[in-house]
Protein backbone atom coordinates (compact mmCIF):
# COMPACT_ATOMS: atom_id res chain seq x y z
CA UNK A 1 9.37 -38.06 44.06
CA UNK A 2 10.87 -35.36 46.27
CA UNK A 3 14.61 -34.76 46.14
CA UNK A 4 14.78 -34.66 49.93
CA UNK A 5 13.57 -36.74 52.82
CA UNK A 6 12.28 -34.74 55.80
CA UNK A 7 13.56 -35.40 59.29
CA UNK A 8 11.27 -36.93 61.89
CA UNK A 9 10.20 -33.91 64.03
CA UNK A 10 10.27 -36.10 67.14
CA UNK A 11 14.02 -36.63 66.80
CA UNK A 12 16.74 -34.12 67.71
CA UNK A 13 17.89 -32.03 64.80
CA UNK A 14 21.20 -32.83 63.08
CA UNK A 15 22.51 -29.40 64.03
CA UNK A 16 21.69 -30.05 67.68
CA UNK A 17 23.49 -33.39 67.53
CA UNK A 18 26.60 -31.77 66.08
CA UNK A 19 26.64 -28.86 68.53
CA UNK A 20 26.66 -31.31 71.42
CA UNK A 21 29.41 -33.42 69.86
CA UNK A 22 32.61 -32.14 71.49
CA UNK A 23 35.14 -33.53 68.95
CA UNK A 24 33.17 -31.97 66.09
CA UNK A 25 32.95 -28.60 67.84
CA UNK A 26 36.70 -28.69 68.47
CA UNK A 27 37.32 -29.45 64.79
CA UNK A 28 34.93 -26.68 63.71
CA UNK A 29 36.60 -24.07 65.94
CA UNK A 30 40.13 -25.15 64.99
CA UNK A 31 39.41 -25.10 61.27
CA UNK A 32 37.60 -21.76 61.43
CA UNK A 33 40.55 -20.11 63.21
CA UNK A 34 43.01 -21.70 60.77
CA UNK A 35 40.97 -20.44 57.81
CA UNK A 36 41.12 -16.93 59.25
CA UNK A 37 44.90 -17.25 59.29
CA UNK A 38 44.77 -18.59 55.73
CA UNK A 39 42.81 -15.49 54.67
CA UNK A 40 45.11 -13.15 56.61
CA UNK A 41 48.31 -14.48 55.10
CA UNK A 42 48.17 -13.60 51.36
CA UNK A 43 47.23 -9.92 51.78
CA UNK A 44 49.65 -9.46 54.66
CA UNK A 45 52.51 -11.17 52.85
CA UNK A 46 51.97 -9.27 49.59
CA UNK A 47 51.98 -5.82 51.14
CA UNK A 48 54.63 -6.75 53.68
CA UNK A 49 57.04 -7.78 50.93
CA UNK A 50 56.21 -4.86 48.66
CA UNK A 51 56.86 -2.43 51.54
CA UNK A 52 60.39 -3.75 52.09
CA UNK A 53 63.35 -1.75 50.75
CA UNK A 54 63.71 -3.02 47.20
CA UNK A 55 60.45 -4.93 47.47
CA UNK A 56 58.86 -5.44 44.05
CA UNK A 57 56.80 -7.84 42.01
CA UNK A 58 59.87 -10.04 41.40
CA UNK A 59 60.45 -10.56 45.13
CA UNK A 60 56.77 -11.24 45.71
CA UNK A 61 56.66 -13.76 42.86
CA UNK A 62 59.79 -15.52 44.12
CA UNK A 63 58.52 -15.94 47.68
CA UNK A 64 55.03 -16.98 46.56
CA UNK A 65 56.51 -19.56 44.21
CA UNK A 66 58.64 -20.91 47.05
CA UNK A 67 55.47 -21.29 49.09
CA UNK A 68 53.17 -22.70 46.40
CA UNK A 69 55.66 -25.01 44.66
CA UNK A 70 56.15 -27.52 47.51
CA UNK A 71 52.42 -27.51 48.20
CA UNK A 72 51.63 -28.61 44.64
CA UNK A 73 54.55 -31.02 44.24
CA UNK A 74 54.09 -32.75 47.60
CA UNK A 75 50.29 -32.80 47.72
CA UNK A 76 50.12 -36.45 46.62
CA UNK A 77 52.59 -37.54 49.28
CA UNK A 78 50.62 -35.46 51.77
CA UNK A 79 47.77 -37.89 51.23
CA UNK A 80 50.08 -40.86 51.85
CA UNK A 81 51.30 -39.28 55.11
CA UNK A 82 47.73 -38.60 56.25
CA UNK A 83 46.75 -42.25 55.62
CA UNK A 84 49.92 -43.80 57.12
CA UNK A 85 49.82 -41.94 60.43
CA UNK A 86 47.06 -40.78 62.80
CA UNK A 87 45.39 -37.97 60.86
CA UNK A 88 44.78 -35.81 63.91
CA UNK A 89 48.50 -35.80 64.68
CA UNK A 90 49.28 -34.98 61.04
CA UNK A 91 46.79 -32.11 61.15
CA UNK A 92 48.13 -30.77 64.46
CA UNK A 93 51.76 -30.84 63.31
CA UNK A 94 50.89 -29.39 59.90
CA UNK A 95 48.99 -26.45 61.39
CA UNK A 96 51.81 -25.77 63.86
CA UNK A 97 54.49 -25.75 61.17
CA UNK A 98 52.43 -23.43 58.95
CA UNK A 99 51.96 -21.07 61.90
CA UNK A 100 55.67 -21.08 62.77
CA UNK A 101 56.55 -20.40 59.13
CA UNK A 102 54.29 -17.34 58.93
CA UNK A 103 55.49 -16.01 62.30
CA UNK A 104 59.09 -16.40 61.12
CA UNK A 105 58.33 -14.50 57.91
CA UNK A 106 56.66 -11.70 59.85
CA UNK A 107 59.57 -11.40 62.28
CA UNK A 108 62.01 -11.25 59.37
CA UNK A 109 60.10 -8.29 57.96
CA UNK A 110 59.97 -6.54 61.33
CA UNK A 111 63.66 -7.05 62.13
CA UNK A 112 65.08 -6.44 58.66
CA UNK A 113 66.48 -9.98 58.23
CA UNK A 114 64.95 -10.12 54.78
CA UNK A 115 67.41 -12.17 52.79
CA UNK A 116 65.47 -13.67 49.91
CA UNK A 117 66.76 -17.21 50.48
CA UNK A 118 65.76 -17.09 54.14
CA UNK A 119 62.25 -15.86 53.40
CA UNK A 120 61.88 -18.52 50.68
CA UNK A 121 62.95 -21.17 53.19
CA UNK A 122 60.26 -20.09 55.67
CA UNK A 123 57.67 -19.83 52.90
CA UNK A 124 58.67 -23.27 51.61
CA UNK A 125 58.11 -24.80 55.05
CA UNK A 126 54.56 -23.47 55.09
CA UNK A 127 53.95 -24.96 51.64
CA UNK A 128 55.30 -28.37 52.71
CA UNK A 129 53.07 -28.36 55.79
CA UNK A 130 50.01 -27.20 53.85
CA UNK A 131 50.35 -30.20 51.53
CA UNK A 132 49.06 -32.50 54.30
CA UNK A 133 46.25 -30.33 55.68
CA UNK A 134 43.47 -30.95 53.13
CA UNK A 135 44.03 -34.73 52.89
CA UNK A 136 44.20 -35.03 56.69
CA UNK A 137 41.07 -32.93 57.22
CA UNK A 138 39.11 -34.90 54.62
CA UNK A 139 39.89 -38.11 56.49
CA UNK A 140 39.28 -36.71 59.98
CA UNK A 141 35.73 -35.49 59.34
CA UNK A 142 34.16 -38.97 59.01
CA UNK A 143 36.12 -40.01 62.12
CA UNK A 144 34.24 -37.46 64.24
CA UNK A 145 30.90 -37.12 62.39
CA UNK A 146 28.29 -39.93 62.19
CA UNK A 147 27.72 -41.11 58.59
CA UNK A 148 24.16 -39.77 58.30
CA UNK A 149 25.28 -36.31 59.49
CA UNK A 150 28.22 -35.93 57.11
CA UNK A 151 26.56 -33.38 54.83
CA UNK A 152 25.54 -31.18 57.76
CA UNK A 153 28.99 -31.52 59.29
CA UNK A 154 30.71 -30.52 56.07
CA UNK A 155 28.27 -27.66 55.60
CA UNK A 156 28.93 -26.11 59.02
CA UNK A 157 32.68 -26.46 58.45
CA UNK A 158 32.22 -24.59 55.17
CA UNK A 159 30.12 -21.94 56.89
CA UNK A 160 32.87 -21.35 59.43
CA UNK A 161 35.46 -21.21 56.66
CA UNK A 162 33.42 -18.70 54.64
CA UNK A 163 32.92 -16.41 57.63
CA UNK A 164 36.60 -16.71 58.55
CA UNK A 165 37.72 -15.81 55.03
CA UNK A 166 35.64 -12.65 55.07
CA UNK A 167 36.85 -11.66 58.54
CA UNK A 168 40.43 -12.51 57.65
CA UNK A 169 40.43 -10.42 54.48
CA UNK A 170 38.95 -7.40 56.25
CA UNK A 171 41.14 -7.78 59.33
CA UNK A 172 44.31 -8.29 57.33
CA UNK A 173 43.69 -5.23 55.18
CA UNK A 174 43.01 -3.08 58.23
CA UNK A 175 46.09 -4.33 60.06
CA UNK A 176 48.34 -3.76 57.04
CA UNK A 177 47.14 -0.14 56.92
CA UNK A 178 47.41 0.48 60.67
CA UNK A 179 50.48 -1.54 61.70
CA UNK A 180 52.16 -2.74 58.51
CA UNK A 181 52.47 -6.02 56.65
CA UNK A 182 55.03 -7.55 59.00
CA UNK A 183 52.71 -7.46 62.02
CA UNK A 184 49.84 -8.77 59.89
CA UNK A 185 51.97 -11.76 58.82
CA UNK A 186 52.82 -12.45 62.48
CA UNK A 187 49.10 -12.39 63.32
CA UNK A 188 48.42 -14.83 60.48
CA UNK A 189 50.94 -17.21 62.03
CA UNK A 190 49.52 -16.67 65.50
CA UNK A 191 46.05 -17.61 64.24
CA UNK A 192 47.40 -20.88 62.86
CA UNK A 193 49.19 -21.61 66.15
CA UNK A 194 45.98 -20.89 68.06
CA UNK A 195 44.13 -23.31 65.79
CA UNK A 196 46.82 -25.90 66.49
CA UNK A 197 46.34 -25.51 70.24
CA UNK A 198 42.57 -25.93 69.85
CA UNK A 199 43.14 -29.02 67.69
CA UNK A 200 44.96 -30.67 70.61
CA UNK A 201 41.46 -31.38 71.95
CA UNK A 202 40.66 -33.77 69.08
CA UNK A 203 40.60 -37.52 69.81
CA UNK A 204 43.34 -39.46 68.04
CA UNK A 205 42.16 -42.39 65.91
CA UNK A 206 44.53 -45.12 64.67
CA UNK A 207 46.21 -44.72 61.29
CA UNK A 208 44.12 -45.78 58.31
CA UNK A 209 46.86 -47.44 56.24
CA UNK A 210 49.64 -49.77 57.30
CA UNK A 211 52.76 -47.66 58.04
CA UNK A 212 54.97 -50.69 57.36
CA UNK A 213 53.87 -50.74 53.70
CA UNK A 214 55.96 -48.90 51.13
CA UNK A 215 54.82 -45.27 50.63
CA UNK A 216 55.16 -45.72 46.86
CA UNK A 217 52.97 -48.81 46.97
CA UNK A 218 50.41 -46.87 49.01
CA UNK A 219 50.52 -44.02 46.49
CA UNK A 220 49.86 -46.49 43.67
CA UNK A 221 47.00 -48.05 45.66
CA UNK A 222 45.54 -44.59 46.18
CA UNK A 223 45.65 -44.02 42.42
CA UNK A 224 43.76 -47.27 41.97
CA UNK A 225 40.99 -46.07 44.29
CA UNK A 226 40.93 -42.68 42.54
CA UNK A 227 40.95 -43.92 38.95
CA UNK A 228 38.44 -46.73 39.53
CA UNK A 229 35.65 -44.22 40.22
CA UNK A 230 34.68 -42.39 37.06
CA UNK A 231 32.77 -39.66 38.91
CA UNK A 232 35.89 -38.71 40.88
CA UNK A 233 38.35 -38.43 38.02
CA UNK A 234 35.82 -36.80 35.69
CA UNK A 235 35.04 -34.02 38.18
CA UNK A 236 38.72 -33.61 39.03
CA UNK A 237 39.50 -33.17 35.33
CA UNK A 238 36.59 -30.74 35.03
CA UNK A 239 37.89 -28.61 37.88
CA UNK A 240 41.44 -28.67 36.54
CA UNK A 241 40.15 -26.60 33.60
CA UNK A 242 37.66 -24.61 35.69
CA UNK A 243 40.44 -23.51 38.07
CA UNK A 244 42.78 -22.74 35.17
CA UNK A 245 40.21 -20.51 33.48
CA UNK A 246 39.25 -18.79 36.74
CA UNK A 247 42.90 -18.08 37.53
CA UNK A 248 43.14 -16.34 34.17
CA UNK A 249 39.79 -14.55 34.45
CA UNK A 250 39.80 -13.63 38.14
CA UNK A 251 43.53 -13.47 38.75
CA UNK A 252 44.50 -11.30 35.77
CA UNK A 253 41.86 -10.39 33.18
CA UNK A 254 39.06 -9.36 35.56
CA UNK A 255 41.16 -6.87 37.56
CA UNK A 256 42.62 -5.48 34.32
CA UNK A 257 39.22 -4.83 32.75
CA UNK A 258 37.92 -3.43 36.05
CA UNK A 259 40.76 -0.92 36.15
CA UNK A 260 40.52 -0.02 32.48
CA UNK A 261 36.75 0.21 32.01
CA UNK A 262 34.72 -0.28 35.19
CA UNK A 263 36.12 2.23 37.66
CA UNK A 264 38.96 0.37 39.30
CA UNK A 265 39.26 -1.61 42.56
CA UNK A 266 35.82 -0.63 43.84
CA UNK A 267 34.15 -2.33 40.90
CA UNK A 268 36.20 -5.49 41.26
CA UNK A 269 35.57 -5.57 45.02
CA UNK A 270 31.84 -5.43 44.29
CA UNK A 271 32.15 -8.56 42.16
CA UNK A 272 34.19 -10.35 44.85
CA UNK A 273 31.68 -9.40 47.54
CA UNK A 274 28.92 -10.89 45.38
CA UNK A 275 30.87 -14.13 45.20
CA UNK A 276 31.39 -14.13 48.99
CA UNK A 277 27.67 -13.59 49.60
CA UNK A 278 26.90 -16.45 47.23
CA UNK A 279 29.31 -18.71 49.12
CA UNK A 280 27.39 -18.16 52.35
CA UNK A 281 24.09 -18.84 50.53
CA UNK A 282 25.56 -22.03 49.08
CA UNK A 283 26.38 -23.33 52.55
CA UNK A 284 22.87 -22.47 53.77
CA UNK A 285 21.37 -24.38 50.85
CA UNK A 286 23.58 -27.39 51.60
CA UNK A 287 22.25 -27.48 55.16
CA UNK A 288 18.65 -27.99 54.06
CA UNK A 289 18.89 -29.71 50.66
CA UNK A 290 20.06 -33.28 50.10
CA UNK A 291 19.78 -33.96 46.37
CA UNK A 292 19.34 -37.58 45.34
CA UNK A 293 22.15 -37.24 42.80
CA UNK A 294 24.63 -35.01 44.63
CA UNK A 295 27.53 -35.11 42.18
CA UNK A 296 25.32 -34.44 39.16
CA UNK A 297 23.77 -31.55 41.09
CA UNK A 298 27.22 -30.24 41.99
CA UNK A 299 28.33 -30.38 38.37
CA UNK A 300 25.21 -28.55 37.20
CA UNK A 301 25.63 -25.67 39.67
CA UNK A 302 29.19 -25.23 38.40
CA UNK A 303 27.66 -23.76 35.24
CA UNK A 304 27.21 -20.57 37.29
CA UNK A 305 31.02 -20.16 37.34
CA UNK A 306 31.18 -19.57 33.61
CA UNK A 307 28.71 -16.69 33.62
CA UNK A 308 30.69 -13.81 35.25
CA UNK A 309 33.66 -14.04 32.83
CA UNK A 310 31.28 -14.06 29.87
CA UNK A 311 29.41 -11.03 31.23
CA UNK A 312 32.66 -9.15 31.81
CA UNK A 313 33.68 -9.97 28.25
CA UNK A 314 30.35 -8.71 26.93
CA UNK A 315 30.71 -5.43 28.81
CA UNK A 316 27.85 -5.98 31.24
CA UNK A 317 27.33 -3.48 34.10
CA UNK A 318 29.19 -4.18 37.33
CA UNK A 319 26.03 -4.92 39.31
CA UNK A 320 24.88 -7.48 36.76
CA UNK A 321 28.24 -9.23 36.96
CA UNK A 322 28.14 -9.07 40.77
CA UNK A 323 24.73 -10.77 40.79
CA UNK A 324 26.14 -13.49 38.54
CA UNK A 325 29.07 -13.82 40.95
CA UNK A 326 26.55 -14.59 43.70
CA UNK A 327 25.52 -17.62 41.66
CA UNK A 328 29.16 -18.60 41.17
CA UNK A 329 29.89 -18.47 44.90
CA UNK A 330 26.73 -20.42 45.67
CA UNK A 331 27.63 -23.08 43.13
CA UNK A 332 31.18 -23.55 44.34
CA UNK A 333 30.23 -23.90 48.02
CA UNK A 334 27.31 -26.22 47.31
CA UNK A 335 29.51 -28.36 45.08
CA UNK A 336 32.22 -28.39 47.75
CA UNK A 337 29.91 -29.71 50.48
CA UNK A 338 28.33 -32.34 48.21
CA UNK A 339 31.73 -33.38 46.88
CA UNK A 340 33.36 -33.76 50.29
CA UNK A 341 30.40 -35.73 51.60
CA UNK A 342 30.40 -38.09 48.61
CA UNK A 343 34.13 -38.75 48.95
CA UNK A 344 33.76 -39.54 52.64
CA UNK A 345 30.86 -41.92 52.01
CA UNK A 346 32.10 -43.71 48.90
CA UNK A 347 35.88 -44.05 49.40
CA UNK A 348 37.27 -46.61 51.88
CA UNK A 349 38.45 -44.83 55.05
CA UNK A 350 42.00 -46.21 54.86
CA UNK A 351 42.49 -44.63 51.39
CA UNK A 352 40.43 -41.47 51.81
CA UNK A 353 43.31 -39.03 52.36
CA UNK A 354 45.21 -40.33 49.34
CA UNK A 355 42.15 -39.98 47.10
CA UNK A 356 41.62 -36.46 48.47
CA UNK A 357 45.27 -35.69 47.65
CA UNK A 358 44.84 -36.83 44.03
CA UNK A 359 41.71 -34.69 43.87
CA UNK A 360 43.53 -31.63 45.22
CA UNK A 361 46.55 -32.12 42.95
CA UNK A 362 44.45 -32.66 39.85
CA UNK A 363 42.23 -29.67 40.54
CA UNK A 364 45.05 -27.15 41.00
CA UNK A 365 47.74 -28.47 38.67
CA UNK A 366 46.71 -26.26 35.72
CA UNK A 367 46.14 -23.15 37.86
CA UNK A 368 49.58 -21.63 37.22
CA UNK A 369 49.06 -22.16 33.47
CA UNK A 370 45.98 -19.95 33.65
CA UNK A 371 48.04 -17.14 35.17
CA UNK A 372 50.74 -17.57 32.53
CA UNK A 373 48.47 -17.60 29.46
CA UNK A 374 46.13 -14.79 30.56
CA UNK A 375 48.21 -11.83 29.36
CA UNK A 376 49.27 -13.40 26.02
CA UNK A 377 45.65 -14.40 25.37
CA UNK A 378 44.51 -10.82 25.99
CA UNK A 379 47.22 -9.51 23.63
CA UNK A 380 46.40 -12.03 20.92
CA UNK A 381 42.60 -12.22 21.16
CA UNK A 382 41.76 -8.99 22.95
CA UNK A 383 40.67 -8.56 26.57
CA UNK A 384 36.96 -9.06 25.97
CA UNK A 385 37.24 -12.17 23.76
CA UNK A 386 39.73 -13.70 26.20
CA UNK A 387 37.25 -13.33 29.06
CA UNK A 388 34.45 -14.79 26.96
CA UNK A 389 36.78 -17.66 26.09
CA UNK A 390 37.47 -18.33 29.77
CA UNK A 391 33.77 -18.44 30.59
CA UNK A 392 32.95 -20.49 27.51
CA UNK A 393 35.62 -23.07 28.41
CA UNK A 394 34.13 -23.44 31.90
CA UNK A 395 30.68 -23.98 30.42
CA UNK A 396 32.02 -26.52 27.91
CA UNK A 397 33.99 -28.69 30.36
CA UNK A 398 31.09 -28.61 32.80
CA UNK A 399 28.70 -29.82 30.10
CA UNK A 400 31.13 -32.64 29.24
CA UNK A 401 31.38 -33.67 32.91
CA UNK A 402 27.58 -33.78 33.14
CA UNK A 403 27.55 -36.41 30.36
CA UNK A 404 29.45 -38.93 32.52
CA UNK A 405 27.19 -41.90 33.41
CA UNK A 406 28.60 -42.22 36.94
CA UNK A 407 28.29 -38.49 37.57
CA UNK A 408 24.63 -38.69 36.61
CA UNK A 409 23.85 -41.92 38.50
CA UNK A 410 25.68 -41.66 41.83
CA UNK A 411 23.06 -41.38 44.55
CA UNK A 412 23.40 -39.78 47.95
CA UNK A 413 21.94 -40.55 51.34
CA UNK A 414 18.79 -38.45 51.55
CA UNK A 415 17.68 -39.48 55.03
CA UNK A 416 18.63 -37.30 57.99
CA UNK A 417 18.85 -40.05 60.62
């Protein structure tokens, strides 16, 4: 039997339906602009801080930790907030606060008010606000997209995000060179604020959970929804290790081996471009393919992520690794669309943001460990074996996730209408 069910040619296409759906278009535009700001911010902040008098890796690490720490710690409560209150309002306020935080950081750099504690305060505010964005967005999408169009809706949101990331990275790098990091950080904030203004056009739905109920009780109830579905917690555990290994391989070991053996930044950029191209291809595939077992399919395509680190460890040519990175990008984006769609279809709406928060927290909680262990692992094992170990770990945990009965059995909605 075919893995997909064709649409009736006499009916309007899903894409046409979505394009004529004003709330969805508003959400698509707002998220795309916000993702451009998200892509602008890291490059701009890094070079803006390093260009300050006395700016060094220590200052950069301190400010980044101040920004990332609250985001990780508060991500679970971000899900509670997004379920207790109207999600559109949570999203609007969160985007606005992130934008104000980045604008404040940029103005500090431009005016010389660069006390470390003050910059950490502004960075911390952006991290607090970012903790609610993913849970709120996950819950908003099924509020504005009909159930049978969820996969297409998620796919077009991912397409906008992928394009915005590419544009943001290029634009941020150019602006840093031409005008300096401070102005680039201000632009990152302005992009978020623009997205917030666009998001004002979204309809406001009632809160999903009862705001009179204790937040702690709601957090516990969210854990019950999360832990009762084997496919959710298995894949979250899988990605906790996948993200940890990729932080080590892509954050530290890959750039080091590129500089030492492959010709430097140009070689590493080639690999990253391959991944970006694959991400776009993954979204395109998700627009036309509706696998009967979406989570099992998503787990299987994650095997692609283990290949580039292994190839780097084996000393493969840059172009071969870049081609493998295309597969990695494709796998991640396809998994992301299938995953988001399954969550929105299978989890009760009033608990969806909390389950998404547990997913986000679980997936990123080991990421910092990957950054910490990368250098010691390279010293102890050697650079090449460490990279092979990263890739091998990704392949192993993905194989284990594929053994889960619920991962293998969960079926999707293959009809278009």
